[in-house]
Amino acid sequence: MADILYKYKSSVYANITNKCNCRCTFCIRFLKDGIGDADTLWHQQNPTKEEVVEAIRNFDFTGFDELIFCGYGEPTCALDILLEAAKTAKEKGLKTRLNSNGLGNVENGRNIVPELAKVIDSVSISLNAPDSDKYNEVTRPQVDGAFEKMIDFAKKCKEQIGNVKWSIVDVLPADEIEQCKRLSNETGIELRIRHFS
């Protein structure tokens, strides 16, 4: 079985599903099998809720105070597992962060933010591009109107969870980064520019 929990840099991550509703051109999962101390993050079969909860209960989090839901799939594609796993992490006294593509509402056919707000402390949403056309080109979402739905999800998270950030990588052209900064200002959601590695 692939690693459910893995360490990368100074954080612990939960890899709860390989399912994703995007096919990003830059996605690391198309380049290598693992990251950090994980040999492989490709699940032959996605883990069950029980397996994920057990992995969190048995993991030694000494020196870590946060569990980040981010693996080789979109965590909100396994919402029931995400919610139970985050609840378990909170019971262990950990902070929880969701790294997401922001398409959880459309994936689940409802507004899931109130459920997330009960167990998730912060959210990082991959913005990837400053407008719908560029977003579709780079992210290749499996749903229509994805860019607008992602922005709506982010705003709902900002209202109910509070600690929300946009995330882009520094390989974007300078003009697109500037456009992303403007979108950040318009939405009141902080922009984090990550180094592509």
N, C-alpha and C. Protein backbone atom coordinates (compact mmCIF):
# COMPACT_ATOMS: atom_id res chain seq x y z
N MET A 1 0.84 -1.19 0.00
CA MET A 1 0.00 0.00 0.00
C MET A 1 0.88 1.25 0.00
N ALA A 2 0.44 2.26 -0.69
CA ALA A 2 1.16 3.54 -0.70
C ALA A 2 1.06 4.19 0.67
N ASP A 3 1.96 5.12 0.92
CA ASP A 3 1.96 5.83 2.19
C ASP A 3 0.70 6.67 2.34
N ILE A 4 0.04 6.55 3.49
CA ILE A 4 -1.11 7.41 3.81
C ILE A 4 -0.59 8.70 4.43
N LEU A 5 0.35 8.59 5.34
CA LEU A 5 0.98 9.76 5.96
C LEU A 5 2.44 9.81 5.52
N TYR A 6 2.92 11.00 5.23
CA TYR A 6 4.31 11.15 4.84
C TYR A 6 4.83 12.50 5.32
N LYS A 7 6.14 12.56 5.51
CA LYS A 7 6.79 13.81 5.93
C LYS A 7 7.45 14.45 4.71
N TYR A 8 7.28 15.76 4.62
CA TYR A 8 7.96 16.52 3.56
C TYR A 8 8.39 17.84 4.17
N LYS A 9 9.69 18.10 4.09
CA LYS A 9 10.27 19.27 4.74
C LYS A 9 9.92 19.23 6.23
N SER A 10 9.21 20.22 6.73
CA SER A 10 8.95 20.25 8.18
C SER A 10 7.49 19.94 8.50
N SER A 11 6.81 19.23 7.61
CA SER A 11 5.38 18.99 7.81
C SER A 11 5.00 17.53 7.60
N VAL A 12 3.82 17.17 8.13
CA VAL A 12 3.25 15.84 7.91
C VAL A 12 2.02 16.00 7.04
N TYR A 13 1.92 15.16 6.02
CA TYR A 13 0.84 15.22 5.05
C TYR A 13 0.03 13.94 5.06
N ALA A 14 -1.26 14.07 4.74
CA ALA A 14 -2.15 12.91 4.61
C ALA A 14 -2.55 12.74 3.15
N ASN A 15 -2.23 11.57 2.62
CA ASN A 15 -2.50 11.21 1.23
C ASN A 15 -3.69 10.25 1.23
N ILE A 16 -4.91 10.79 1.13
CA ILE A 16 -6.10 9.96 1.38
C ILE A 16 -6.78 9.42 0.13
N THR A 17 -6.42 9.91 -1.04
CA THR A 17 -7.02 9.41 -2.28
C THR A 17 -6.15 9.76 -3.48
N ASN A 18 -6.24 8.96 -4.53
CA ASN A 18 -5.60 9.29 -5.80
C ASN A 18 -6.58 9.93 -6.77
N LYS A 19 -7.86 9.97 -6.39
CA LYS A 19 -8.87 10.55 -7.28
C LYS A 19 -8.69 12.06 -7.38
N CYS A 20 -8.83 12.59 -8.59
CA CYS A 20 -8.75 14.03 -8.79
C CYS A 20 -9.65 14.43 -9.95
N ASN A 21 -10.24 15.63 -9.85
CA ASN A 21 -11.12 16.12 -10.91
C ASN A 21 -10.43 17.14 -11.81
N CYS A 22 -9.10 17.18 -11.75
CA CYS A 22 -8.28 17.99 -12.66
C CYS A 22 -7.16 17.13 -13.22
N ARG A 23 -6.57 17.59 -14.31
CA ARG A 23 -5.42 16.91 -14.92
C ARG A 23 -4.35 17.96 -15.20
N CYS A 24 -3.84 18.58 -14.15
CA CYS A 24 -2.92 19.71 -14.29
C CYS A 24 -1.68 19.32 -15.10
N THR A 25 -1.29 20.20 -16.00
CA THR A 25 -0.14 19.93 -16.87
C THR A 25 1.16 19.80 -16.08
N PHE A 26 1.22 20.43 -14.90
CA PHE A 26 2.46 20.44 -14.11
C PHE A 26 2.43 19.46 -12.95
N CYS A 27 1.37 18.67 -12.82
CA CYS A 27 1.18 17.84 -11.63
C CYS A 27 2.35 16.90 -11.39
N ILE A 28 2.84 16.92 -10.17
CA ILE A 28 4.02 16.13 -9.80
C ILE A 28 3.74 14.63 -9.89
N ARG A 29 2.48 14.25 -9.76
CA ARG A 29 2.20 12.81 -9.76
C ARG A 29 2.42 12.18 -11.13
N PHE A 30 2.53 13.01 -12.18
CA PHE A 30 2.84 12.48 -13.50
C PHE A 30 4.35 12.42 -13.73
N LEU A 31 5.11 12.93 -12.76
CA LEU A 31 6.57 12.98 -12.90
C LEU A 31 7.30 11.96 -12.03
N LYS A 32 6.76 11.69 -10.82
CA LYS A 32 7.42 10.72 -9.95
C LYS A 32 6.41 10.09 -9.00
N ASP A 33 6.80 8.94 -8.44
CA ASP A 33 5.88 8.15 -7.62
C ASP A 33 5.71 8.67 -6.20
N GLY A 34 6.75 9.36 -5.68
CA GLY A 34 6.69 9.78 -4.29
C GLY A 34 7.33 11.13 -4.08
N ILE A 35 7.21 11.61 -2.85
CA ILE A 35 7.79 12.89 -2.47
C ILE A 35 8.13 12.82 -0.99
N GLY A 36 9.09 13.63 -0.56
CA GLY A 36 9.48 13.60 0.85
C GLY A 36 10.00 12.22 1.23
N ASP A 37 9.53 11.69 2.38
CA ASP A 37 10.01 10.38 2.82
C ASP A 37 9.13 9.25 2.32
N ALA A 38 8.21 9.54 1.40
CA ALA A 38 7.31 8.52 0.86
C ALA A 38 7.90 7.94 -0.43
N ASP A 39 8.08 6.62 -0.45
CA ASP A 39 8.57 5.97 -1.67
C ASP A 39 7.53 6.03 -2.77
N THR A 40 6.29 5.83 -2.37
CA THR A 40 5.21 5.94 -3.35
C THR A 40 3.97 6.53 -2.70
N LEU A 41 3.30 7.40 -3.43
CA LEU A 41 2.04 7.96 -2.99
C LEU A 41 0.89 7.47 -3.88
N TRP A 42 1.22 6.62 -4.84
CA TRP A 42 0.17 6.04 -5.70
C TRP A 42 -0.46 4.88 -4.99
N HIS A 43 -1.72 5.02 -4.62
CA HIS A 43 -2.46 3.92 -4.00
C HIS A 43 -2.89 2.94 -5.09
N GLN A 44 -2.58 1.65 -4.90
CA GLN A 44 -3.12 0.64 -5.81
C GLN A 44 -4.64 0.60 -5.66
N GLN A 45 -5.06 0.80 -4.42
CA GLN A 45 -6.48 0.92 -4.09
C GLN A 45 -6.58 2.00 -3.04
N ASN A 46 -7.48 2.96 -3.23
CA ASN A 46 -7.57 4.05 -2.27
C ASN A 46 -7.86 3.51 -0.87
N PRO A 47 -7.23 4.10 0.15
CA PRO A 47 -7.43 3.60 1.52
C PRO A 47 -8.86 3.84 2.00
N THR A 48 -9.27 3.01 2.94
CA THR A 48 -10.58 3.16 3.55
C THR A 48 -10.52 4.22 4.64
N LYS A 49 -11.67 4.65 5.08
CA LYS A 49 -11.74 5.60 6.19
C LYS A 49 -11.04 5.03 7.42
N GLU A 50 -11.27 3.75 7.68
CA GLU A 50 -10.67 3.10 8.84
C GLU A 50 -9.15 3.08 8.75
N GLU A 51 -8.61 2.82 7.58
CA GLU A 51 -7.16 2.78 7.39
C GLU A 51 -6.54 4.16 7.60
N VAL A 52 -7.19 5.19 7.11
CA VAL A 52 -6.68 6.55 7.27
C VAL A 52 -6.72 6.96 8.73
N VAL A 53 -7.84 6.71 9.39
CA VAL A 53 -7.98 7.07 10.81
C VAL A 53 -6.96 6.32 11.65
N GLU A 54 -6.77 5.04 11.37
CA GLU A 54 -5.79 4.24 12.12
C GLU A 54 -4.37 4.78 11.91
N ALA A 55 -4.05 5.17 10.68
CA ALA A 55 -2.72 5.72 10.39
C ALA A 55 -2.48 6.99 11.20
N ILE A 56 -3.48 7.84 11.32
CA ILE A 56 -3.34 9.08 12.10
C ILE A 56 -3.21 8.77 13.58
N ARG A 57 -4.02 7.86 14.08
CA ARG A 57 -3.97 7.51 15.51
C ARG A 57 -2.63 6.92 15.90
N ASN A 58 -2.01 6.16 14.99
CA ASN A 58 -0.76 5.45 15.32
C ASN A 58 0.51 6.21 14.94
N PHE A 59 0.36 7.37 14.32
CA PHE A 59 1.54 8.11 13.86
C PHE A 59 2.12 8.94 15.01
N ASP A 60 3.45 8.97 15.08
CA ASP A 60 4.13 9.78 16.10
C ASP A 60 4.29 11.21 15.56
N PHE A 61 3.47 12.12 16.06
CA PHE A 61 3.50 13.51 15.62
C PHE A 61 4.42 14.38 16.46
N THR A 62 5.30 13.76 17.24
CA THR A 62 6.23 14.53 18.06
C THR A 62 7.01 15.52 17.19
N GLY A 63 6.97 16.78 17.57
CA GLY A 63 7.66 17.82 16.81
C GLY A 63 6.82 18.44 15.71
N PHE A 64 5.61 17.95 15.52
CA PHE A 64 4.70 18.48 14.50
C PHE A 64 3.40 18.91 15.16
N ASP A 65 2.83 20.01 14.71
CA ASP A 65 1.57 20.46 15.30
C ASP A 65 0.44 20.59 14.28
N GLU A 66 0.72 20.15 13.03
CA GLU A 66 -0.29 20.30 11.99
C GLU A 66 -0.28 19.10 11.06
N LEU A 67 -1.46 18.70 10.61
CA LEU A 67 -1.60 17.67 9.58
C LEU A 67 -2.20 18.32 8.35
N ILE A 68 -1.53 18.15 7.21
CA ILE A 68 -1.96 18.78 5.96
C ILE A 68 -2.52 17.71 5.03
N PHE A 69 -3.74 17.93 4.56
CA PHE A 69 -4.36 16.99 3.63
C PHE A 69 -3.96 17.37 2.22
N CYS A 70 -3.00 16.61 1.68
CA CYS A 70 -2.45 16.89 0.37
C CYS A 70 -1.66 15.66 -0.06
N GLY A 71 -2.11 15.00 -1.11
CA GLY A 71 -1.40 13.81 -1.58
C GLY A 71 -1.40 13.78 -3.09
N TYR A 72 -1.60 12.58 -3.65
CA TYR A 72 -1.61 12.44 -5.10
C TYR A 72 -3.02 12.48 -5.67
N GLY A 73 -3.94 13.08 -4.92
CA GLY A 73 -5.30 13.27 -5.37
C GLY A 73 -5.89 14.49 -4.67
N GLU A 74 -7.10 14.84 -5.03
CA GLU A 74 -7.81 15.97 -4.42
C GLU A 74 -8.56 15.47 -3.19
N PRO A 75 -8.20 15.93 -1.99
CA PRO A 75 -8.81 15.39 -0.76
C PRO A 75 -10.32 15.47 -0.71
N THR A 76 -10.92 16.52 -1.31
CA THR A 76 -12.38 16.64 -1.25
C THR A 76 -13.08 15.63 -2.14
N CYS A 77 -12.33 14.87 -2.95
CA CYS A 77 -12.91 13.77 -3.72
C CYS A 77 -13.16 12.56 -2.82
N ALA A 78 -12.65 12.61 -1.61
CA ALA A 78 -12.91 11.57 -0.59
C ALA A 78 -13.39 12.28 0.67
N LEU A 79 -14.48 13.02 0.53
CA LEU A 79 -14.93 13.93 1.58
C LEU A 79 -15.21 13.23 2.90
N ASP A 80 -15.88 12.09 2.89
CA ASP A 80 -16.21 11.43 4.15
C ASP A 80 -14.94 11.02 4.90
N ILE A 81 -13.94 10.58 4.15
CA ILE A 81 -12.65 10.22 4.77
C ILE A 81 -11.96 11.47 5.29
N LEU A 82 -11.95 12.53 4.48
CA LEU A 82 -11.32 13.78 4.88
C LEU A 82 -11.90 14.30 6.20
N LEU A 83 -13.21 14.32 6.30
CA LEU A 83 -13.86 14.87 7.50
C LEU A 83 -13.55 14.03 8.74
N GLU A 84 -13.60 12.71 8.60
CA GLU A 84 -13.32 11.84 9.75
C GLU A 84 -11.84 11.90 10.13
N ALA A 85 -10.98 11.95 9.14
CA ALA A 85 -9.54 12.02 9.40
C ALA A 85 -9.18 13.34 10.08
N ALA A 86 -9.76 14.44 9.61
CA ALA A 86 -9.49 15.74 10.21
C ALA A 86 -10.01 15.79 11.65
N LYS A 87 -11.16 15.19 11.88
CA LYS A 87 -11.70 15.11 13.25
C LYS A 87 -10.74 14.34 14.16
N THR A 88 -10.20 13.24 13.66
CA THR A 88 -9.24 12.44 14.42
C THR A 88 -7.98 13.24 14.72
N ALA A 89 -7.50 13.99 13.73
CA ALA A 89 -6.32 14.83 13.93
C ALA A 89 -6.58 15.89 14.99
N LYS A 90 -7.77 16.49 14.96
CA LYS A 90 -8.12 17.51 15.96
C LYS A 90 -8.16 16.90 17.35
N GLU A 91 -8.65 15.68 17.46
CA GLU A 91 -8.70 14.98 18.75
C GLU A 91 -7.30 14.73 19.30
N LYS A 92 -6.30 14.65 18.40
CA LYS A 92 -4.91 14.48 18.83
C LYS A 92 -4.25 15.83 19.12
N GLY A 93 -5.01 16.90 19.03
CA GLY A 93 -4.48 18.23 19.32
C GLY A 93 -3.75 18.89 18.17
N LEU A 94 -3.94 18.38 16.97
CA LEU A 94 -3.26 18.92 15.81
C LEU A 94 -4.11 19.99 15.11
N LYS A 95 -3.43 20.93 14.47
CA LYS A 95 -4.10 21.84 13.55
C LYS A 95 -4.26 21.08 12.23
N THR A 96 -5.23 21.50 11.44
CA THR A 96 -5.47 20.82 10.17
C THR A 96 -5.51 21.83 9.04
N ARG A 97 -4.91 21.44 7.92
CA ARG A 97 -4.93 22.29 6.73
C ARG A 97 -5.34 21.46 5.53
N LEU A 98 -6.17 22.04 4.70
CA LEU A 98 -6.59 21.41 3.46
C LEU A 98 -5.91 22.11 2.29
N ASN A 99 -5.12 21.36 1.52
CA ASN A 99 -4.59 21.85 0.25
C ASN A 99 -5.51 21.32 -0.84
N SER A 100 -6.14 22.23 -1.59
CA SER A 100 -7.23 21.83 -2.47
C SER A 100 -7.17 22.56 -3.81
N ASN A 101 -7.84 21.97 -4.80
CA ASN A 101 -8.01 22.67 -6.08
C ASN A 101 -9.26 23.55 -6.06
N GLY A 102 -10.01 23.51 -4.97
CA GLY A 102 -11.16 24.39 -4.82
C GLY A 102 -12.42 23.94 -5.52
N LEU A 103 -12.44 22.68 -5.97
CA LEU A 103 -13.62 22.18 -6.68
C LEU A 103 -14.43 21.18 -5.86
N GLY A 104 -14.28 21.27 -4.55
CA GLY A 104 -14.98 20.34 -3.65
C GLY A 104 -16.49 20.45 -3.69
N ASN A 105 -17.00 21.65 -3.85
CA ASN A 105 -18.47 21.82 -3.89
C ASN A 105 -19.06 21.16 -5.12
N VAL A 106 -18.45 21.38 -6.27
CA VAL A 106 -18.97 20.79 -7.50
C VAL A 106 -18.78 19.27 -7.49
N GLU A 107 -17.67 18.81 -6.92
CA GLU A 107 -17.41 17.37 -6.82
C GLU A 107 -18.47 16.67 -5.99
N ASN A 108 -18.89 17.32 -4.91
CA ASN A 108 -19.83 16.69 -3.98
C ASN A 108 -21.28 17.13 -4.19
N GLY A 109 -21.50 18.02 -5.12
CA GLY A 109 -22.86 18.42 -5.45
C GLY A 109 -23.57 19.25 -4.40
N ARG A 110 -22.80 19.88 -3.52
CA ARG A 110 -23.39 20.73 -2.48
C ARG A 110 -22.29 21.60 -1.88
N ASN A 111 -22.69 22.55 -1.06
CA ASN A 111 -21.73 23.39 -0.35
C ASN A 111 -21.17 22.60 0.84
N ILE A 112 -19.92 22.17 0.73
CA ILE A 112 -19.31 21.36 1.79
C ILE A 112 -18.57 22.21 2.83
N VAL A 113 -18.49 23.52 2.59
CA VAL A 113 -17.68 24.38 3.47
C VAL A 113 -18.15 24.34 4.93
N PRO A 114 -19.46 24.35 5.22
CA PRO A 114 -19.86 24.25 6.63
C PRO A 114 -19.34 22.99 7.32
N GLU A 115 -19.27 21.89 6.58
CA GLU A 115 -18.73 20.64 7.14
C GLU A 115 -17.22 20.76 7.37
N LEU A 116 -16.54 21.34 6.40
CA LEU A 116 -15.09 21.54 6.53
C LEU A 116 -14.77 22.44 7.71
N ALA A 117 -15.57 23.49 7.88
CA ALA A 117 -15.30 24.49 8.91
C ALA A 117 -15.28 23.89 10.31
N LYS A 118 -15.91 22.75 10.51
CA LYS A 118 -15.95 22.10 11.83
C LYS A 118 -14.62 21.44 12.18
N VAL A 119 -13.82 21.07 11.15
CA VAL A 119 -12.61 20.28 11.43
C VAL A 119 -11.34 20.79 10.72
N ILE A 120 -11.47 21.78 9.86
CA ILE A 120 -10.32 22.31 9.11
C ILE A 120 -10.00 23.71 9.59
N ASP A 121 -8.72 23.95 9.94
CA ASP A 121 -8.29 25.25 10.46
C ASP A 121 -7.87 26.23 9.37
N SER A 122 -7.32 25.71 8.28
CA SER A 122 -6.88 26.59 7.20
C SER A 122 -6.97 25.87 5.87
N VAL A 123 -7.08 26.67 4.80
CA VAL A 123 -7.23 26.12 3.46
C VAL A 123 -6.27 26.83 2.52
N SER A 124 -5.60 26.05 1.68
CA SER A 124 -4.77 26.59 0.61
C SER A 124 -5.35 26.10 -0.70
N ILE A 125 -5.68 27.03 -1.58
CA ILE A 125 -6.33 26.69 -2.85
C ILE A 125 -5.39 27.02 -4.01
N SER A 126 -5.16 26.03 -4.85
CA SER A 126 -4.28 26.21 -6.00
C SER A 126 -4.98 27.05 -7.05
N LEU A 127 -4.56 28.29 -7.18
CA LEU A 127 -5.17 29.20 -8.15
C LEU A 127 -4.70 28.87 -9.57
N ASN A 128 -3.42 28.68 -9.72
CA ASN A 128 -2.80 28.21 -10.97
C ASN A 128 -2.81 29.18 -12.14
N ALA A 129 -3.80 30.04 -12.26
CA ALA A 129 -3.90 30.97 -13.39
C ALA A 129 -4.85 32.10 -13.03
N PRO A 130 -4.72 33.25 -13.70
CA PRO A 130 -5.51 34.42 -13.30
C PRO A 130 -6.90 34.53 -13.93
N ASP A 131 -7.19 33.69 -14.95
CA ASP A 131 -8.52 33.78 -15.57
C ASP A 131 -8.95 32.40 -16.06
N SER A 132 -10.21 32.32 -16.47
CA SER A 132 -10.82 31.04 -16.81
C SER A 132 -10.12 30.34 -17.97
N ASP A 133 -9.79 31.06 -19.03
CA ASP A 133 -9.16 30.43 -20.19
C ASP A 133 -7.81 29.82 -19.86
N LYS A 134 -6.98 30.60 -19.19
CA LYS A 134 -5.65 30.09 -18.83
C LYS A 134 -5.76 28.96 -17.80
N TYR A 135 -6.72 29.10 -16.88
CA TYR A 135 -6.94 28.06 -15.87
C TYR A 135 -7.31 26.73 -16.55
N ASN A 136 -8.24 26.78 -17.49
CA ASN A 136 -8.66 25.55 -18.18
C ASN A 136 -7.51 24.93 -18.96
N GLU A 137 -6.67 25.78 -19.54
CA GLU A 137 -5.53 25.30 -20.33
C GLU A 137 -4.51 24.58 -19.45
N VAL A 138 -4.24 25.13 -18.27
CA VAL A 138 -3.21 24.58 -17.39
C VAL A 138 -3.75 23.46 -16.49
N THR A 139 -4.95 23.65 -15.99
CA THR A 139 -5.50 22.75 -14.98
C THR A 139 -6.31 21.61 -15.58
N ARG A 140 -6.86 21.82 -16.74
CA ARG A 140 -7.67 20.81 -17.44
C ARG A 140 -8.70 20.17 -16.51
N PRO A 141 -9.58 21.00 -15.92
CA PRO A 141 -10.58 20.47 -14.99
C PRO A 141 -11.60 19.58 -15.71
N GLN A 142 -12.17 18.65 -14.97
CA GLN A 142 -13.14 17.71 -15.53
C GLN A 142 -14.57 18.22 -15.36
N VAL A 143 -14.72 19.50 -15.01
CA VAL A 143 -16.04 20.11 -14.83
C VAL A 143 -16.10 21.44 -15.58
N ASP A 144 -17.29 21.82 -15.97
CA ASP A 144 -17.49 23.10 -16.65
C ASP A 144 -17.53 24.24 -15.64
N GLY A 145 -17.07 25.42 -16.07
CA GLY A 145 -17.13 26.60 -15.20
C GLY A 145 -16.27 26.47 -13.96
N ALA A 146 -15.19 25.70 -14.06
CA ALA A 146 -14.38 25.37 -12.88
C ALA A 146 -13.76 26.61 -12.22
N PHE A 147 -13.26 27.53 -13.01
CA PHE A 147 -12.58 28.70 -12.44
C PHE A 147 -13.53 29.50 -11.54
N GLU A 148 -14.72 29.77 -12.02
CA GLU A 148 -15.70 30.52 -11.24
C GLU A 148 -16.14 29.74 -10.01
N LYS A 149 -16.28 28.42 -10.15
CA LYS A 149 -16.69 27.59 -9.02
C LYS A 149 -15.59 27.53 -7.96
N MET A 150 -14.33 27.54 -8.41
CA MET A 150 -13.21 27.57 -7.47
C MET A 150 -13.20 28.88 -6.68
N ILE A 151 -13.43 30.00 -7.36
CA ILE A 151 -13.44 31.29 -6.68
C ILE A 151 -14.59 31.36 -5.67
N ASP A 152 -15.75 30.83 -6.05
CA ASP A 152 -16.89 30.81 -5.13
C ASP A 152 -16.57 29.97 -3.90
N PHE A 153 -15.93 28.82 -4.10
CA PHE A 153 -15.53 27.96 -2.98
C PHE A 153 -14.57 28.70 -2.05
N ALA A 154 -13.60 29.39 -2.64
CA ALA A 154 -12.61 30.12 -1.85
C ALA A 154 -13.28 31.20 -1.00
N LYS A 155 -14.22 31.92 -1.59
CA LYS A 155 -14.92 32.97 -0.85
C LYS A 155 -15.73 32.39 0.30
N LYS A 156 -16.37 31.25 0.06
CA LYS A 156 -17.14 30.59 1.12
C LYS A 156 -16.21 30.14 2.26
N CYS A 157 -15.03 29.62 1.88
CA CYS A 157 -14.05 29.21 2.90
C CYS A 157 -13.58 30.42 3.70
N LYS A 158 -13.35 31.53 3.01
CA LYS A 158 -12.92 32.76 3.69
C LYS A 158 -13.97 33.19 4.72
N GLU A 159 -15.24 33.09 4.35
CA GLU A 159 -16.33 33.49 5.25
C GLU A 159 -16.45 32.58 6.47
N GLN A 160 -16.28 31.27 6.26
CA GLN A 160 -16.58 30.33 7.35
C GLN A 160 -15.36 29.76 8.05
N ILE A 161 -14.23 29.68 7.35
CA ILE A 161 -13.01 29.13 7.96
C ILE A 161 -12.04 30.26 8.31
N GLY A 162 -12.00 31.27 7.47
CA GLY A 162 -11.19 32.45 7.76
C GLY A 162 -9.78 32.40 7.20
N ASN A 163 -9.01 31.41 7.60
CA ASN A 163 -7.61 31.32 7.20
C ASN A 163 -7.52 30.60 5.84
N VAL A 164 -7.55 31.41 4.77
CA VAL A 164 -7.54 30.87 3.41
C VAL A 164 -6.49 31.60 2.60
N LYS A 165 -5.78 30.83 1.77
CA LYS A 165 -4.76 31.44 0.89
C LYS A 165 -4.92 30.88 -0.52
N TRP A 166 -4.66 31.75 -1.50
CA TRP A 166 -4.45 31.29 -2.86
C TRP A 166 -3.00 30.83 -2.96
N SER A 167 -2.73 29.90 -3.86
CA SER A 167 -1.36 29.44 -4.09
C SER A 167 -1.09 29.38 -5.58
N ILE A 168 0.04 29.95 -6.00
CA ILE A 168 0.52 29.81 -7.37
C ILE A 168 2.00 29.47 -7.33
N VAL A 169 2.53 28.99 -8.45
CA VAL A 169 3.97 28.72 -8.54
C VAL A 169 4.64 29.82 -9.34
N ASP A 170 5.90 30.04 -9.06
CA ASP A 170 6.61 31.19 -9.64
C ASP A 170 7.02 30.99 -11.10
N VAL A 171 6.54 29.93 -11.74
CA VAL A 171 6.83 29.74 -13.17
C VAL A 171 5.84 30.51 -14.05
N LEU A 172 4.80 31.06 -13.45
CA LEU A 172 3.85 31.86 -14.24
C LEU A 172 4.54 33.11 -14.79
N PRO A 173 4.15 33.56 -15.98
CA PRO A 173 4.71 34.81 -16.51
C PRO A 173 4.40 35.97 -15.57
N ALA A 174 5.25 36.97 -15.57
CA ALA A 174 5.13 38.11 -14.65
C ALA A 174 3.77 38.79 -14.74
N ASP A 175 3.23 38.92 -15.95
CA ASP A 175 1.93 39.59 -16.09
C ASP A 175 0.80 38.77 -15.46
N GLU A 176 0.90 37.45 -15.54
CA GLU A 176 -0.12 36.60 -14.92
C GLU A 176 -0.01 36.64 -13.40
N ILE A 177 1.21 36.71 -12.89
CA ILE A 177 1.39 36.83 -11.45
C ILE A 177 0.76 38.13 -10.96
N GLU A 178 0.94 39.20 -11.72
CA GLU A 178 0.33 40.48 -11.36
C GLU A 178 -1.19 40.39 -11.37
N GLN A 179 -1.75 39.69 -12.35
CA GLN A 179 -3.20 39.50 -12.42
C GLN A 179 -3.69 38.69 -11.22
N CYS A 180 -2.91 37.69 -10.82
CA CYS A 180 -3.26 36.89 -9.64
C CYS A 180 -3.25 37.75 -8.38
N LYS A 181 -2.29 38.66 -8.31
CA LYS A 181 -2.23 39.58 -7.17
C LYS A 181 -3.47 40.46 -7.12
N ARG A 182 -3.93 40.90 -8.29
CA ARG A 182 -5.15 41.71 -8.34
C ARG A 182 -6.36 40.91 -7.88
N LEU A 183 -6.45 39.67 -8.32
CA LEU A 183 -7.54 38.80 -7.89
C LEU A 183 -7.49 38.58 -6.37
N SER A 184 -6.28 38.44 -5.86
CA SER A 184 -6.09 38.30 -4.42
C SER A 184 -6.65 39.52 -3.68
N ASN A 185 -6.34 40.70 -4.18
CA ASN A 185 -6.84 41.93 -3.57
C ASN A 185 -8.36 42.03 -3.67
N GLU A 186 -8.90 41.66 -4.83
CA GLU A 186 -10.35 41.74 -5.04
C GLU A 186 -11.12 40.80 -4.12
N THR A 187 -10.58 39.61 -3.88
CA THR A 187 -11.27 38.61 -3.06
C THR A 187 -10.93 38.72 -1.58
N GLY A 188 -9.88 39.49 -1.26
CA GLY A 188 -9.45 39.59 0.13
C GLY A 188 -8.79 38.32 0.64
N ILE A 189 -8.30 37.50 -0.30
CA ILE A 189 -7.64 36.24 0.05
C ILE A 189 -6.16 36.36 -0.28
N GLU A 190 -5.33 36.12 0.71
CA GLU A 190 -3.88 36.26 0.56
C GLU A 190 -3.34 35.35 -0.53
N LEU A 191 -2.34 35.82 -1.26
CA LEU A 191 -1.69 35.05 -2.32
C LEU A 191 -0.32 34.58 -1.86
N ARG A 192 -0.09 33.28 -1.97
CA ARG A 192 1.22 32.71 -1.66
C ARG A 192 1.85 32.27 -2.98
N ILE A 193 3.06 32.77 -3.24
CA ILE A 193 3.77 32.40 -4.47
C ILE A 193 4.85 31.40 -4.09
N ARG A 194 4.66 30.16 -4.55
CA ARG A 194 5.58 29.08 -4.21
C ARG A 194 6.64 28.92 -5.29
N HIS A 195 7.83 28.49 -4.87
CA HIS A 195 8.90 28.20 -5.83
C HIS A 195 8.65 26.82 -6.42
N PHE A 196 8.69 26.72 -7.72
CA PHE A 196 8.47 25.43 -8.39
C PHE A 196 9.71 24.55 -8.23
N SER A 197 9.50 23.38 -7.64
CA SER A 197 10.63 22.44 -7.47
C SER A 197 10.17 21.02 -7.66
